[in-house]
PDB file of N, CA and C in Angstrom:
ATOM      1  N   MET A   1     103.199 171.091  59.645  1.00  0.00           N
ATOM      2  CA  MET A   1     103.056 169.651  59.492  1.00  0.00           C
ATOM      3  C   MET A   1     101.599 169.340  59.100  1.00  0.00           C
ATOM      4  N   LYS A   2     101.424 168.597  58.077  1.00  0.00           N
ATOM      5  CA  LYS A   2     100.091 168.276  57.582  1.00  0.00           C
ATOM      6  C   LYS A   2      99.481 167.139  58.382  1.00  0.00           C
ATOM      7  N   ASP A   3      98.211 167.291  58.738  1.00  0.00           N
ATOM      8  CA  ASP A   3      97.565 166.182  59.425  1.00  0.00           C
ATOM      9  C   ASP A   3      96.966 165.222  58.402  1.00  0.00           C
ATOM     10  N   LEU A   4      96.573 164.080  58.863  1.00  0.00           N
ATOM     11  CA  LEU A   4      96.115 163.009  57.979  1.00  0.00           C
ATOM     12  C   LEU A   4      94.868 163.401  57.188  1.00  0.00           C
ATOM     13  N   ARG A   5      93.932 164.110  57.812  1.00  0.00           N
ATOM     14  CA  ARG A   5      92.712 164.517  57.089  1.00  0.00           C
ATOM     15  C   ARG A   5      93.049 165.433  55.920  1.00  0.00           C
ATOM     16  N   TYR A   6      93.961 166.363  56.145  1.00  0.00           N
ATOM     17  CA  TYR A   6      94.374 167.276  55.083  1.00  0.00           C
ATOM     18  C   TYR A   6      95.018 166.498  53.935  1.00  0.00           C
ATOM     19  N   LEU A   7      95.871 165.546  54.271  1.00  0.00           N
ATOM     20  CA  LEU A   7      96.517 164.733  53.236  1.00  0.00           C
ATOM     21  C   LEU A   7      95.499 163.922  52.446  1.00  0.00           C
ATOM     22  N   LEU A   8      94.539 163.336  53.143  1.00  0.00           N
ATOM     23  CA  LEU A   8      93.506 162.564  52.454  1.00  0.00           C
ATOM     24  C   LEU A   8      92.683 163.445  51.526  1.00  0.00           C
ATOM     25  N   THR A   9      92.408 164.664  51.960  1.00  0.00           N
ATOM     26  CA  THR A   9      91.679 165.601  51.108  1.00  0.00           C
ATOM     27  C   THR A   9      92.490 165.931  49.862  1.00  0.00           C
ATOM     28  N   GLU A  10      93.766 166.206  50.037  1.00  0.00           N
ATOM     29  CA  GLU A  10      94.631 166.506  48.893  1.00  0.00           C
ATOM     30  C   GLU A  10      94.706 165.318  47.932  1.00  0.00           C
ATOM     31  N   ILE A  11      94.843 164.128  48.474  1.00  0.00           N
ATOM     32  CA  ILE A  11      94.909 162.917  47.644  1.00  0.00           C
ATOM     33  C   ILE A  11      93.605 162.751  46.869  1.00  0.00           C
ATOM     34  N   SER A  12      92.491 162.933  47.540  1.00  0.00           N
ATOM     35  CA  SER A  12      91.184 162.793  46.878  1.00  0.00           C
ATOM     36  C   SER A  12      91.010 163.817  45.766  1.00  0.00           C
ATOM     37  N   GLU A  13      91.387 165.066  46.042  1.00  0.00           N
ATOM     38  CA  GLU A  13      91.251 166.116  45.031  1.00  0.00           C
ATOM     39  C   GLU A  13      92.160 165.866  43.827  1.00  0.00           C
ATOM     40  N   LEU A  14      93.389 165.457  44.093  1.00  0.00           N
ATOM     41  CA  LEU A  14      94.319 165.191  42.990  1.00  0.00           C
ATOM     42  C   LEU A  14      93.858 163.980  42.179  1.00  0.00           C
ATOM     43  N   THR A  15      93.395 162.951  42.855  1.00  0.00           N
ATOM     44  CA  THR A  15      92.900 161.763  42.160  1.00  0.00           C
ATOM     45  C   THR A  15      91.690 162.109  41.302  1.00  0.00           C
ATOM     46  N   SER A  16      90.789 162.924  41.831  1.00  0.00           N
ATOM     47  CA  SER A  16      89.615 163.350  41.061  1.00  0.00           C
ATOM     48  C   SER A  16      90.015 164.176  39.848  1.00  0.00           C
ATOM     49  N   ALA A  17      91.000 165.063  40.032  1.00  0.00           N
ATOM     50  CA  ALA A  17      91.470 165.875  38.910  1.00  0.00           C
ATOM     51  C   ALA A  17      92.098 164.994  37.834  1.00  0.00           C
ATOM     52  N   ILE A  18      92.880 164.020  38.253  1.00  0.00           N
ATOM     53  CA  ILE A  18      93.486 163.102  37.282  1.00  0.00           C
ATOM     54  C   ILE A  18      92.402 162.320  36.557  1.00  0.00           C
ATOM     55  N   GLU A  19      91.404 161.859  37.288  1.00  0.00           N
ATOM     56  CA  GLU A  19      90.319 161.089  36.671  1.00  0.00           C
ATOM     57  C   GLU A  19      89.562 161.910  35.639  1.00  0.00           C
ATOM     58  N   SER A  20      89.270 163.170  35.954  1.00  0.00           N
ATOM     59  CA  SER A  20      88.473 163.967  35.027  1.00  0.00           C
ATOM     60  C   SER A  20      89.298 164.632  33.931  1.00  0.00           C
ATOM     61  N   ASP A  21      90.518 165.068  34.247  1.00  0.00           N
ATOM     62  CA  ASP A  21      91.315 165.813  33.280  1.00  0.00           C
ATOM     63  C   ASP A  21      92.300 164.951  32.486  1.00  0.00           C
ATOM     64  N   TYR A  22      92.701 163.834  33.054  1.00  0.00           N
ATOM     65  CA  TYR A  22      93.694 162.966  32.411  1.00  0.00           C
ATOM     66  C   TYR A  22      93.252 161.505  32.515  1.00  0.00           C
ATOM     67  N   PRO A  23      92.139 161.146  31.895  1.00  0.00           N
ATOM     68  CA  PRO A  23      91.642 159.770  32.019  1.00  0.00           C
ATOM     69  C   PRO A  23      92.642 158.727  31.520  1.00  0.00           C
ATOM     70  N   GLU A  24      93.490 159.116  30.590  1.00  0.00           N
ATOM     71  CA  GLU A  24      94.501 158.185  30.091  1.00  0.00           C
ATOM     72  C   GLU A  24      95.527 157.854  31.170  1.00  0.00           C
ATOM     73  N   LEU A  25      95.677 158.714  32.138  1.00  0.00           N
ATOM     74  CA  LEU A  25      96.612 158.505  33.241  1.00  0.00           C
ATOM     75  C   LEU A  25      95.939 157.788  34.411  1.00  0.00           C
ATOM     76  N   TYR A  26      94.661 158.029  34.580  1.00  0.00           N
ATOM     77  CA  TYR A  26      93.915 157.474  35.716  1.00  0.00           C
ATOM     78  C   TYR A  26      93.998 155.948  35.763  1.00  0.00           C
ATOM     79  N   GLN A  27      94.027 155.314  34.615  1.00  0.00           N
ATOM     80  CA  GLN A  27      94.075 153.849  34.567  1.00  0.00           C
ATOM     81  C   GLN A  27      95.315 153.272  35.249  1.00  0.00           C
ATOM     82  N   PHE A  28      96.377 154.065  35.377  1.00  0.00           N
ATOM     83  CA  PHE A  28      97.611 153.582  35.977  1.00  0.00           C
ATOM     84  C   PHE A  28      97.651 153.725  37.495  1.00  0.00           C
ATOM     85  N   LEU A  29      96.687 154.396  38.070  1.00  0.00           N
ATOM     86  CA  LEU A  29      96.697 154.589  39.521  1.00  0.00           C
ATOM     87  C   LEU A  29      96.549 153.282  40.276  1.00  0.00           C
ATOM     88  N   ASP A  30      95.808 152.338  39.744  1.00  0.00           N
ATOM     89  CA  ASP A  30      95.660 151.039  40.400  1.00  0.00           C
ATOM     90  C   ASP A  30      96.974 150.278  40.474  1.00  0.00           C
ATOM     91  N   GLU A  31      97.886 150.557  39.569  1.00  0.00           N
ATOM     92  CA  GLU A  31      99.144 149.826  39.511  1.00  0.00           C
ATOM     93  C   GLU A  31     100.309 150.603  40.112  1.00  0.00           C
ATOM     94  N   ASN A  32     100.015 151.706  40.774  1.00  0.00           N
ATOM     95  CA  ASN A  32     101.063 152.513  41.393  1.00  0.00           C
ATOM     96  C   ASN A  32     101.726 151.693  42.497  1.00  0.00           C
ATOM     97  N   PRO A  33     103.046 151.544  42.482  1.00  0.00           N
ATOM     98  CA  PRO A  33     103.744 150.756  43.510  1.00  0.00           C
ATOM     99  C   PRO A  33     103.448 151.213  44.932  1.00  0.00           C
ATOM    100  N   MET A  34     103.105 152.471  45.106  1.00  0.00           N
ATOM    101  CA  MET A  34     102.799 152.974  46.440  1.00  0.00           C
ATOM    102  C   MET A  34     101.519 152.357  46.998  1.00  0.00           C
ATOM    103  N   THR A  35     100.651 151.854  46.151  1.00  0.00           N
ATOM    104  CA  THR A  35      99.388 151.289  46.623  1.00  0.00           C
ATOM    105  C   THR A  35      99.474 149.792  46.872  1.00  0.00           C
ATOM    106  N   LEU A  36     100.601 149.200  46.570  1.00  0.00           N
ATOM    107  CA  LEU A  36     100.758 147.761  46.743  1.00  0.00           C
ATOM    108  C   LEU A  36     101.620 147.472  47.971  1.00  0.00           C
ATOM    109  N   PRO A  37     100.993 147.103  49.091  1.00  0.00           N
ATOM    110  CA  PRO A  37     101.785 146.844  50.295  1.00  0.00           C
ATOM    111  C   PRO A  37     102.651 145.604  50.137  1.00  0.00           C
ATOM    112  N   THR A  38     103.807 145.645  50.752  1.00  0.00           N
ATOM    113  CA  THR A  38     104.721 144.501  50.689  1.00  0.00           C
ATOM    114  C   THR A  38     104.693 143.682  51.971  1.00  0.00           C
ATOM    115  N   ILE A  39     103.914 144.142  52.951  1.00  0.00           N
ATOM    116  CA  ILE A  39     103.761 143.397  54.201  1.00  0.00           C
ATOM    117  C   ILE A  39     102.283 143.116  54.427  1.00  0.00           C
ATOM    118  N   PRO A  40     101.954 142.094  55.204  1.00  0.00           N
ATOM    119  CA  PRO A  40     100.553 141.696  55.374  1.00  0.00           C
ATOM    120  C   PRO A  40      99.633 142.777  55.966  1.00  0.00           C
ATOM    121  N   HIS A  41     100.073 143.508  56.959  1.00  0.00           N
ATOM    122  CA  HIS A  41      99.225 144.516  57.609  1.00  0.00           C
ATOM    123  C   HIS A  41      99.981 145.840  57.708  1.00  0.00           C
ATOM    124  N   PRO A  42     100.047 146.559  56.593  1.00  0.00           N
ATOM    125  CA  PRO A  42     100.832 147.795  56.587  1.00  0.00           C
ATOM    126  C   PRO A  42     100.188 148.876  57.459  1.00  0.00           C
ATOM    127  N   GLU A  43     101.024 149.679  58.071  1.00  0.00           N
ATOM    128  CA  GLU A  43     100.546 150.810  58.866  1.00  0.00           C
ATOM    129  C   GLU A  43     100.334 151.992  57.943  1.00  0.00           C
ATOM    130  N   VAL A  44      99.181 152.608  58.051  1.00  0.00           N
ATOM    131  CA  VAL A  44      98.892 153.796  57.258  1.00  0.00           C
ATOM    132  C   VAL A  44      99.002 154.986  58.207  1.00  0.00           C
ATOM    133  N   ASN A  45     100.018 155.792  57.984  1.00  0.00           N
ATOM    134  CA  ASN A  45     100.221 156.955  58.835  1.00  0.00           C
ATOM    135  C   ASN A  45     100.489 158.178  57.964  1.00  0.00           C
ATOM    136  N   ARG A  46     100.775 159.280  58.607  1.00  0.00           N
ATOM    137  CA  ARG A  46     100.992 160.529  57.896  1.00  0.00           C
ATOM    138  C   ARG A  46     102.129 160.418  56.884  1.00  0.00           C
ATOM    139  N   LYS A  47     103.220 159.805  57.254  1.00  0.00           N
ATOM    140  CA  LYS A  47     104.374 159.668  56.361  1.00  0.00           C
ATOM    141  C   LYS A  47     104.027 158.852  55.113  1.00  0.00           C
ATOM    142  N   VAL A  48     103.317 157.772  55.310  1.00  0.00           N
ATOM    143  CA  VAL A  48     102.905 156.929  54.180  1.00  0.00           C
ATOM    144  C   VAL A  48     102.011 157.718  53.228  1.00  0.00           C
ATOM    145  N   MET A  49     101.084 158.473  53.794  1.00  0.00           N
ATOM    146  CA  MET A  49     100.171 159.237  52.952  1.00  0.00           C
ATOM    147  C   MET A  49     100.884 160.405  52.265  1.00  0.00           C
ATOM    148  N   GLU A  50     101.837 161.037  52.931  1.00  0.00           N
ATOM    149  CA  GLU A  50     102.633 162.086  52.286  1.00  0.00           C
ATOM    150  C   GLU A  50     103.410 161.512  51.111  1.00  0.00           C
ATOM    151  N   ASP A  51     103.979 160.346  51.304  1.00  0.00           N
ATOM    152  CA  ASP A  51     104.727 159.691  50.228  1.00  0.00           C
ATOM    153  C   ASP A  51     103.810 159.350  49.051  1.00  0.00           C
ATOM    154  N   TYR A  52     102.613 158.879  49.365  1.00  0.00           N
ATOM    155  CA  TYR A  52     101.661 158.529  48.306  1.00  0.00           C
ATOM    156  C   TYR A  52     101.239 159.785  47.536  1.00  0.00           C
ATOM    157  N   LEU A  53     100.956 160.859  48.256  1.00  0.00           N
ATOM    158  CA  LEU A  53     100.591 162.114  47.603  1.00  0.00           C
ATOM    159  C   LEU A  53     101.723 162.593  46.696  1.00  0.00           C
ATOM    160  N   GLN A  54     102.922 162.510  47.188  1.00  0.00           N
ATOM    161  CA  GLN A  54     104.082 162.909  46.385  1.00  0.00           C
ATOM    162  C   GLN A  54     104.201 162.039  45.135  1.00  0.00           C
ATOM    163  N   SER A  55     103.942 160.754  45.264  1.00  0.00           N
ATOM    164  CA  SER A  55     104.035 159.867  44.097  1.00  0.00           C
ATOM    165  C   SER A  55     102.970 160.219  43.064  1.00  0.00           C
ATOM    166  N   LEU A  56     101.780 160.606  43.520  1.00  0.00           N
ATOM    167  CA  LEU A  56     100.738 161.034  42.587  1.00  0.00           C
ATOM    168  C   LEU A  56     101.155 162.304  41.851  1.00  0.00           C
ATOM    169  N   ARG A  57     101.723 163.237  42.590  1.00  0.00           N
ATOM    170  CA  ARG A  57     102.182 164.480  41.973  1.00  0.00           C
ATOM    171  C   ARG A  57     103.273 164.213  40.939  1.00  0.00           C
ATOM    172  N   GLN A  58     104.190 163.315  41.276  1.00  0.00           N
ATOM    173  CA  GLN A  58     105.265 162.982  40.344  1.00  0.00           C
ATOM    174  C   GLN A  58     104.725 162.284  39.105  1.00  0.00           C
ATOM    175  N   LEU A  59     103.757 161.416  39.287  1.00  0.00           N
ATOM    176  CA  LEU A  59     103.138 160.723  38.158  1.00  0.00           C
ATOM    177  C   LEU A  59     102.502 161.729  37.205  1.00  0.00           C
ATOM    178  N   LEU A  60     101.749 162.677  37.762  1.00  0.00           N
ATOM    179  CA  LEU A  60     101.108 163.697  36.934  1.00  0.00           C
ATOM    180  C   LEU A  60     102.150 164.596  36.266  1.00  0.00           C
ATOM    181  N   GLU A  61     103.147 165.010  37.023  1.00  0.00           N
ATOM    182  CA  GLU A  61     104.194 165.869  36.455  1.00  0.00           C
ATOM    183  C   GLU A  61     104.918 165.171  35.307  1.00  0.00           C
ATOM    184  N   HIS A  62     105.258 163.907  35.493  1.00  0.00           N
ATOM    185  CA  HIS A  62     105.930 163.153  34.424  1.00  0.00           C
ATOM    186  C   HIS A  62     105.033 163.049  33.201  1.00  0.00           C
ATOM    187  N   HIS A  63     103.777 162.787  33.426  1.00  0.00           N
ATOM    188  CA  HIS A  63     102.825 162.682  32.319  1.00  0.00           C
ATOM    189  C   HIS A  63     102.754 164.008  31.556  1.00  0.00           C
ATOM    190  N   LEU A  64     102.662 165.108  32.283  1.00  0.00           N
ATOM    191  CA  LEU A  64     102.575 166.412  31.627  1.00  0.00           C
ATOM    192  C   LEU A  64     103.844 166.733  30.843  1.00  0.00           C
ATOM    193  N   GLN A  65     104.994 166.380  31.395  1.00  0.00           N
ATOM    194  CA  GLN A  65     106.260 166.646  30.705  1.00  0.00           C
ATOM    195  C   GLN A  65     106.423 165.793  29.459  1.00  0.00           C
ATOM    196  N   THR A  66     106.006 164.554  29.512  1.00  0.00           N
ATOM    197  CA  THR A  66     106.215 163.657  28.378  1.00  0.00           C
ATOM    198  C   THR A  66     105.138 163.763  27.310  1.00  0.00           C
ATOM    199  N   HIS A  67     104.004 164.349  27.667  1.00  0.00           N
ATOM    200  CA  HIS A  67     102.910 164.477  26.702  1.00  0.00           C
ATOM    201  C   HIS A  67     102.584 165.925  26.395  1.00  0.00           C
ATOM    202  N   GLN A  68     103.474 166.799  26.721  1.00  0.00           N
ATOM    203  CA  GLN A  68     103.255 168.227  26.485  1.00  0.00           C
ATOM    204  C   GLN A  68     103.144 168.491  24.992  1.00  0.00           C
ATOM    205  N   GLY A  69     102.106 169.198  24.639  1.00  0.00           N
ATOM    206  CA  GLY A  69     101.929 169.588  23.246  1.00  0.00           C
ATOM    207  C   GLY A  69     101.218 168.575  22.382  1.00  0.00           C
ATOM    208  N   GLU A  70     100.894 167.398  22.907  1.00  0.00           N
ATOM    209  CA  GLU A  70     100.211 166.395  22.075  1.00  0.00           C
ATOM    210  C   GLU A  70      98.813 166.817  21.695  1.00  0.00           C
ATOM    211  N   ASN A  71      98.157 167.548  22.587  1.00  0.00           N
ATOM    212  CA  ASN A  71      96.754 167.950  22.338  1.00  0.00           C
ATOM    213  C   ASN A  71      96.642 169.327  21.721  1.00  0.00           C
ATOM    214  N   GLU A  72      97.731 169.925  21.356  1.00  0.00           N
ATOM    215  CA  GLU A  72      97.697 171.275  20.773  1.00  0.00           C
ATOM    216  C   GLU A  72      97.568 171.219  19.269  1.00  0.00           C
TER     217      GLU A  72
END
């Protein structure tokens, strides 16, 4: 089971990699539905952060699949 610090580290590293390696994708991170709370005071816990990390991974994976070969 991943603790919150580990998840935050993974999120930070993935976000940094997206920012430096895929700047065209980085602009969409602000609009990720996972970052927009639907309640006034959302609880941030391990499950929420795991879900957010997974959404970042899916965003990057989709980007790589749909833009594969464009830079070759």
